[in-house]
C-alpha atoms as a PDB file:
ATOM      1  CA  ARG A   1      12.632 -22.358 -10.178  1.00  0.00           C
ATOM      2  CA  SER A   2      10.861 -23.801  -7.050  1.00  0.00           C
ATOM      3  CA  PHE A   3      11.983 -22.864  -3.609  1.00  0.00           C
ATOM      4  CA  SER A   4      12.063 -25.255  -0.543  1.00  0.00           C
ATOM      5  CA  VAL A   5      10.738 -24.126   2.939  1.00  0.00           C
ATOM      6  CA  GLY A   6      13.471 -22.078   4.522  1.00  0.00           C
ATOM      7  CA  ASP A   7      14.904 -20.700   1.183  1.00  0.00           C
ATOM      8  CA  ASP A   8      15.077 -17.005   0.917  1.00  0.00           C
ATOM      9  CA  GLY A   9      12.655 -16.897  -2.093  1.00  0.00           C
ATOM     10  CA  TYR A  10      10.128 -19.380  -0.602  1.00  0.00           C
ATOM     11  CA  HIS A  11       7.386 -16.814  -0.060  1.00  0.00           C
ATOM     12  CA  GLN A  12       8.003 -14.979  -3.206  1.00  0.00           C
ATOM     13  CA  ARG A  13       6.926 -11.667  -1.691  1.00  0.00           C
ATOM     14  CA  GLY A  14       7.134  -8.336  -3.195  1.00  0.00           C
ATOM     15  CA  LEU A  15       5.988  -6.571  -6.363  1.00  0.00           C
ATOM     16  CA  PRO A  16       7.207  -7.131  -9.828  1.00  0.00           C
ATOM     17  CA  LEU A  17       9.356  -4.304 -11.343  1.00  0.00           C
ATOM     18  CA  VAL A  18       6.635  -3.623 -13.835  1.00  0.00           C
ATOM     19  CA  PRO A  19       2.975  -3.012 -13.402  1.00  0.00           C
ATOM     20  CA  PRO A  20       0.590  -5.770 -14.690  1.00  0.00           C
ATOM     21  CA  ASN A  21      -0.791  -5.571 -18.305  1.00  0.00           C
ATOM     22  CA  ASP A  22       2.438  -4.318 -19.922  1.00  0.00           C
ATOM     23  CA  ILE A  23       1.875  -0.824 -18.709  1.00  0.00           C
ATOM     24  CA  PRO A  24       5.199   0.939 -18.455  1.00  0.00           C
ATOM     25  CA  ARG A  25       6.613   1.494 -14.970  1.00  0.00           C
ATOM     26  CA  PHE A  26       6.730   5.356 -15.274  1.00  0.00           C
ATOM     27  CA  THR A  27       4.690   8.007 -17.133  1.00  0.00           C
ATOM     28  CA  ASP A  28       6.231  11.339 -17.869  1.00  0.00           C
ATOM     29  CA  ASN A  29       3.163  13.540 -17.220  1.00  0.00           C
ATOM     30  CA  LYS A  30       4.793  16.367 -19.234  1.00  0.00           C
ATOM     31  CA  ASP A  31       4.191  18.853 -16.451  1.00  0.00           C
ATOM     32  CA  GLY A  32       7.315  18.431 -14.428  1.00  0.00           C
ATOM     33  CA  THR A  33       6.100  15.260 -12.766  1.00  0.00           C
ATOM     34  CA  VAL A  34       6.338  11.477 -13.284  1.00  0.00           C
ATOM     35  CA  THR A  35       3.685   8.941 -12.218  1.00  0.00           C
ATOM     36  CA  ASP A  36       5.105   5.604 -10.971  1.00  0.00           C
ATOM     37  CA  ASN A  37       2.419   3.141 -12.291  1.00  0.00           C
ATOM     38  CA  LEU A  38       3.420   0.509  -9.894  1.00  0.00           C
ATOM     39  CA  THR A  39       2.794   2.421  -6.649  1.00  0.00           C
ATOM     40  CA  GLY A  40       0.593   5.344  -7.844  1.00  0.00           C
ATOM     41  CA  LEU A  41       3.107   7.842  -6.401  1.00  0.00           C
ATOM     42  CA  ILE A  42       3.637  11.008  -8.337  1.00  0.00           C
ATOM     43  CA  TRP A  43       7.268  12.328  -8.232  1.00  0.00           C
ATOM     44  CA  LEU A  44       9.016  15.509  -9.167  1.00  0.00           C
ATOM     45  CA  LYS A  45      10.617  14.813 -12.626  1.00  0.00           C
ATOM     46  CA  VAL A  46      13.761  16.646 -11.768  1.00  0.00           C
ATOM     47  CA  GLY A  47      15.312  14.254  -9.141  1.00  0.00           C
ATOM     48  CA  GLY A  48      16.834  15.100  -5.793  1.00  0.00           C
ATOM     49  CA  GLY A  49      20.043  16.139  -7.421  1.00  0.00           C
ATOM     50  CA  SER A  50      18.486  19.582  -8.187  1.00  0.00           C
ATOM     51  CA  ARG A  51      18.210  20.703  -4.504  1.00  0.00           C
ATOM     52  CA  VAL A  52      20.563  20.217  -1.584  1.00  0.00           C
ATOM     53  CA  ILE A  53      18.750  21.226   1.773  1.00  0.00           C
ATOM     54  CA  GLU A  54      20.482  22.537   4.859  1.00  0.00           C
ATOM     55  CA  HIS A  55      18.683  20.219   7.315  1.00  0.00           C
ATOM     56  CA  TRP A  56      15.766  17.806   7.660  1.00  0.00           C
ATOM     57  CA  ALA A  57      13.199  20.406   8.935  1.00  0.00           C
ATOM     58  CA  ALA A  58      14.084  22.704   5.920  1.00  0.00           C
ATOM     59  CA  ALA A  59      13.589  19.600   3.551  1.00  0.00           C
ATOM     60  CA  LEU A  60      10.113  19.142   5.011  1.00  0.00           C
ATOM     61  CA  ALA A  61       9.199  22.765   4.668  1.00  0.00           C
ATOM     62  CA  PHE A  62      10.686  22.839   0.974  1.00  0.00           C
ATOM     63  CA  CYS A  63       8.663  20.034  -0.203  1.00  0.00           C
ATOM     64  CA  ASN A  64       5.394  21.167   1.610  1.00  0.00           C
ATOM     65  CA  GLY A  65       5.785  24.565  -0.014  1.00  0.00           C
ATOM     66  CA  LEU A  66       6.373  23.291  -3.618  1.00  0.00           C
ATOM     67  CA  LYS A  67       3.596  24.558  -6.182  1.00  0.00           C
ATOM     68  CA  ASP A  68       2.915  25.212  -9.764  1.00  0.00           C
ATOM     69  CA  GLY A  69       5.519  27.324 -11.335  1.00  0.00           C
ATOM     70  CA  ALA A  70       8.444  26.161  -8.963  1.00  0.00           C
ATOM     71  CA  ALA A  71      10.908  23.387  -9.870  1.00  0.00           C
ATOM     72  CA  GLY A  72       9.623  23.056 -13.452  1.00  0.00           C
ATOM     73  CA  LEU A  73       6.048  22.368 -12.224  1.00  0.00           C
ATOM     74  CA  SER A  74       3.023  23.042 -14.540  1.00  0.00           C
ATOM     75  CA  ASP A  75       0.762  20.739 -12.778  1.00  0.00           C
ATOM     76  CA  ASN A  76      -1.559  23.126 -10.954  1.00  0.00           C
ATOM     77  CA  SER A  77      -0.223  21.963  -7.680  1.00  0.00           C
ATOM     78  CA  ARG A  78      -0.588  24.247  -4.564  1.00  0.00           C
ATOM     79  CA  PRO A  79       1.419  24.421  -1.272  1.00  0.00           C
ATOM     80  CA  GLY A  80       0.621  21.311   0.854  1.00  0.00           C
ATOM     81  CA  ASP A  81       0.263  19.058  -2.219  1.00  0.00           C
ATOM     82  CA  TRP A  82       3.816  17.979  -2.141  1.00  0.00           C
ATOM     83  CA  ARG A  83       5.794  16.320   0.702  1.00  0.00           C
ATOM     84  CA  LEU A  84       8.939  14.656   1.578  1.00  0.00           C
ATOM     85  CA  PRO A  85       8.646  10.903   0.995  1.00  0.00           C
ATOM     86  CA  ASN A  86       8.867   8.430   3.655  1.00  0.00           C
ATOM     87  CA  ALA A  87      11.664   5.836   3.610  1.00  0.00           C
ATOM     88  CA  ARG A  88       9.391   3.089   2.184  1.00  0.00           C
ATOM     89  CA  GLU A  89       8.395   5.324  -0.790  1.00  0.00           C
ATOM     90  CA  LEU A  90      12.103   6.178  -1.565  1.00  0.00           C
ATOM     91  CA  HIS A  91      12.896   2.442  -1.424  1.00  0.00           C
ATOM     92  CA  SER A  92       9.995   1.597  -3.905  1.00  0.00           C
ATOM     93  CA  LEU A  93      12.039   3.382  -6.522  1.00  0.00           C
ATOM     94  CA  ILE A  94      15.103   1.195  -6.297  1.00  0.00           C
ATOM     95  CA  ASP A  95      16.252  -1.405  -8.765  1.00  0.00           C
ATOM     96  CA  TYR A  96      19.176  -3.247  -7.184  1.00  0.00           C
ATOM     97  CA  ALA A  97      20.266  -4.594 -10.487  1.00  0.00           C
ATOM     98  CA  LYS A  98      21.444  -0.959 -11.269  1.00  0.00           C
ATOM     99  CA  HIS A  99      23.599   1.663  -9.462  1.00  0.00           C
ATOM    100  CA  ASP A 100      24.386   5.342  -9.694  1.00  0.00           C
ATOM    101  CA  PRO A 101      21.366   5.750  -9.646  1.00  0.00           C
ATOM    102  CA  PRO A 102      19.715   2.507  -8.854  1.00  0.00           C
ATOM    103  CA  LEU A 103      16.500   3.145 -10.695  1.00  0.00           C
ATOM    104  CA  PRO A 104      14.654   0.884 -13.185  1.00  0.00           C
ATOM    105  CA  ALA A 105      15.752   1.043 -16.819  1.00  0.00           C
ATOM    106  CA  GLY A 106      13.936   3.482 -18.902  1.00  0.00           C
ATOM    107  CA  HIS A 107      13.021   5.848 -16.044  1.00  0.00           C
ATOM    108  CA  PRO A 108      12.156   9.396 -17.277  1.00  0.00           C
ATOM    109  CA  PHE A 109      13.704  11.280 -14.223  1.00  0.00           C
ATOM    110  CA  THR A 110      16.408  13.907 -14.732  1.00  0.00           C
ATOM    111  CA  LYS A 111      19.231  15.156 -12.567  1.00  0.00           C
ATOM    112  CA  VAL A 112      19.217  12.023 -10.225  1.00  0.00           C
ATOM    113  CA  LEU A 113      22.547  12.287  -8.408  1.00  0.00           C
ATOM    114  CA  GLY A 114      24.002   9.688  -6.270  1.00  0.00           C
ATOM    115  CA  GLY A 115      24.158  10.731  -2.713  1.00  0.00           C
ATOM    116  CA  PRO A 116      21.896  10.989   0.269  1.00  0.00           C
ATOM    117  CA  HIS A 117      18.211  11.973  -0.075  1.00  0.00           C
ATOM    118  CA  TRP A 118      16.074  12.705   2.857  1.00  0.00           C
ATOM    119  CA  SER A 119      12.976  10.859   3.910  1.00  0.00           C
ATOM    120  CA  SER A 120      10.287  11.973   6.240  1.00  0.00           C
ATOM    121  CA  THR A 121      10.849   8.790   8.474  1.00  0.00           C
ATOM    122  CA  THR A 122      12.461   9.607  11.892  1.00  0.00           C
ATOM    123  CA  SER A 123      14.638   6.999  13.299  1.00  0.00           C
ATOM    124  CA  PRO A 124      12.912   5.106  16.060  1.00  0.00           C
ATOM    125  CA  GLY A 125      15.834   4.939  18.198  1.00  0.00           C
ATOM    126  CA  ASP A 126      16.917   8.683  17.799  1.00  0.00           C
ATOM    127  CA  PRO A 127      14.442  11.370  17.252  1.00  0.00           C
ATOM    128  CA  ASP A 128      17.301  13.692  16.319  1.00  0.00           C
ATOM    129  CA  SER A 129      17.894  11.418  13.112  1.00  0.00           C
ATOM    130  CA  ALA A 130      16.044  10.376  10.095  1.00  0.00           C
ATOM    131  CA  TYR A 131      16.243   7.727   7.234  1.00  0.00           C
ATOM    132  CA  SER A 132      17.879   8.790   4.051  1.00  0.00           C
ATOM    133  CA  MET A 133      18.430   6.885   0.783  1.00  0.00           C
ATOM    134  CA  ASN A 134      21.761   6.900  -0.976  1.00  0.00           C
ATOM    135  CA  LEU A 135      21.056   7.070  -4.600  1.00  0.00           C
ATOM    136  CA  ARG A 136      24.365   5.683  -5.538  1.00  0.00           C
ATOM    137  CA  GLU A 137      23.636   2.207  -4.523  1.00  0.00           C
ATOM    138  CA  GLY A 138      20.121   2.333  -2.978  1.00  0.00           C
ATOM    139  CA  ARG A 139      21.069   1.933   0.702  1.00  0.00           C
ATOM    140  CA  LEU A 140      18.973   3.335   3.530  1.00  0.00           C
ATOM    141  CA  TRP A 141      20.972   5.142   6.139  1.00  0.00           C
ATOM    142  CA  ILE A 142      20.155   6.950   9.365  1.00  0.00           C
ATOM    143  CA  HIS A 143      21.601  10.560   9.558  1.00  0.00           C
ATOM    144  CA  ASN A 144      21.389  13.404  12.010  1.00  0.00           C
ATOM    145  CA  LYS A 145      18.683  15.777  11.028  1.00  0.00           C
ATOM    146  CA  GLN A 146      21.235  18.668  10.755  1.00  0.00           C
ATOM    147  CA  THR A 147      23.034  17.035   7.849  1.00  0.00           C
ATOM    148  CA  HIS A 148      22.756  18.582   4.250  1.00  0.00           C
ATOM    149  CA  GLU A 149      21.085  16.217   1.845  1.00  0.00           C
ATOM    150  CA  TYR A 150      19.133  16.064  -1.230  1.00  0.00           C
ATOM    151  CA  VAL A 151      15.297  16.061  -1.402  1.00  0.00           C
ATOM    152  CA  TRP A 152      13.097  14.401  -4.033  1.00  0.00           C
ATOM    153  CA  PRO A 153       9.442  15.661  -3.404  1.00  0.00           C
ATOM    154  CA  VAL A 154       6.432  13.200  -3.954  1.00  0.00           C
ATOM    155  CA  ARG A 155       2.559  13.309  -4.112  1.00  0.00           C
ATOM    156  CA  GLY A 156       0.187  10.625  -3.288  1.00  0.00           C
ATOM    157  CA  GLY A 157       0.853   7.768  -1.073  1.00  0.00           C
ATOM    158  CA  LEU A 158       1.526   4.118  -0.599  1.00  0.00           C
END
């Protein structure tokens, strides 16, 4: 379909849901990690449903402290290799054609539960709040940093 100037789809911005050259979107690395072949990010295979964190600062510390032998990892990672994803990185996983969880078909993740997942992105209007992604419908919210939420650690970067 062609779009007219002013139509929502006119600029056709964004990325396809699959990488080029028929590469699958995700690769299970068989070491407790999954590579997103579209973004290059490496995610913990066990989704955020495996760990509820007391507050945002504890979420940052948990992710930064992850290492080989923890959370099903056998990837030779060391403390500092993992981190809490930013809001944009969490958003990159979302397929709005799906819900609960809103992840692309065929994803290899386990224990991905609906509910809020912390991002490392602080709210620009309130330093006591941060963005979180609800993995029931894929919406970004701003929550107080003292809220209990899930974490889904990541490596690499956009």
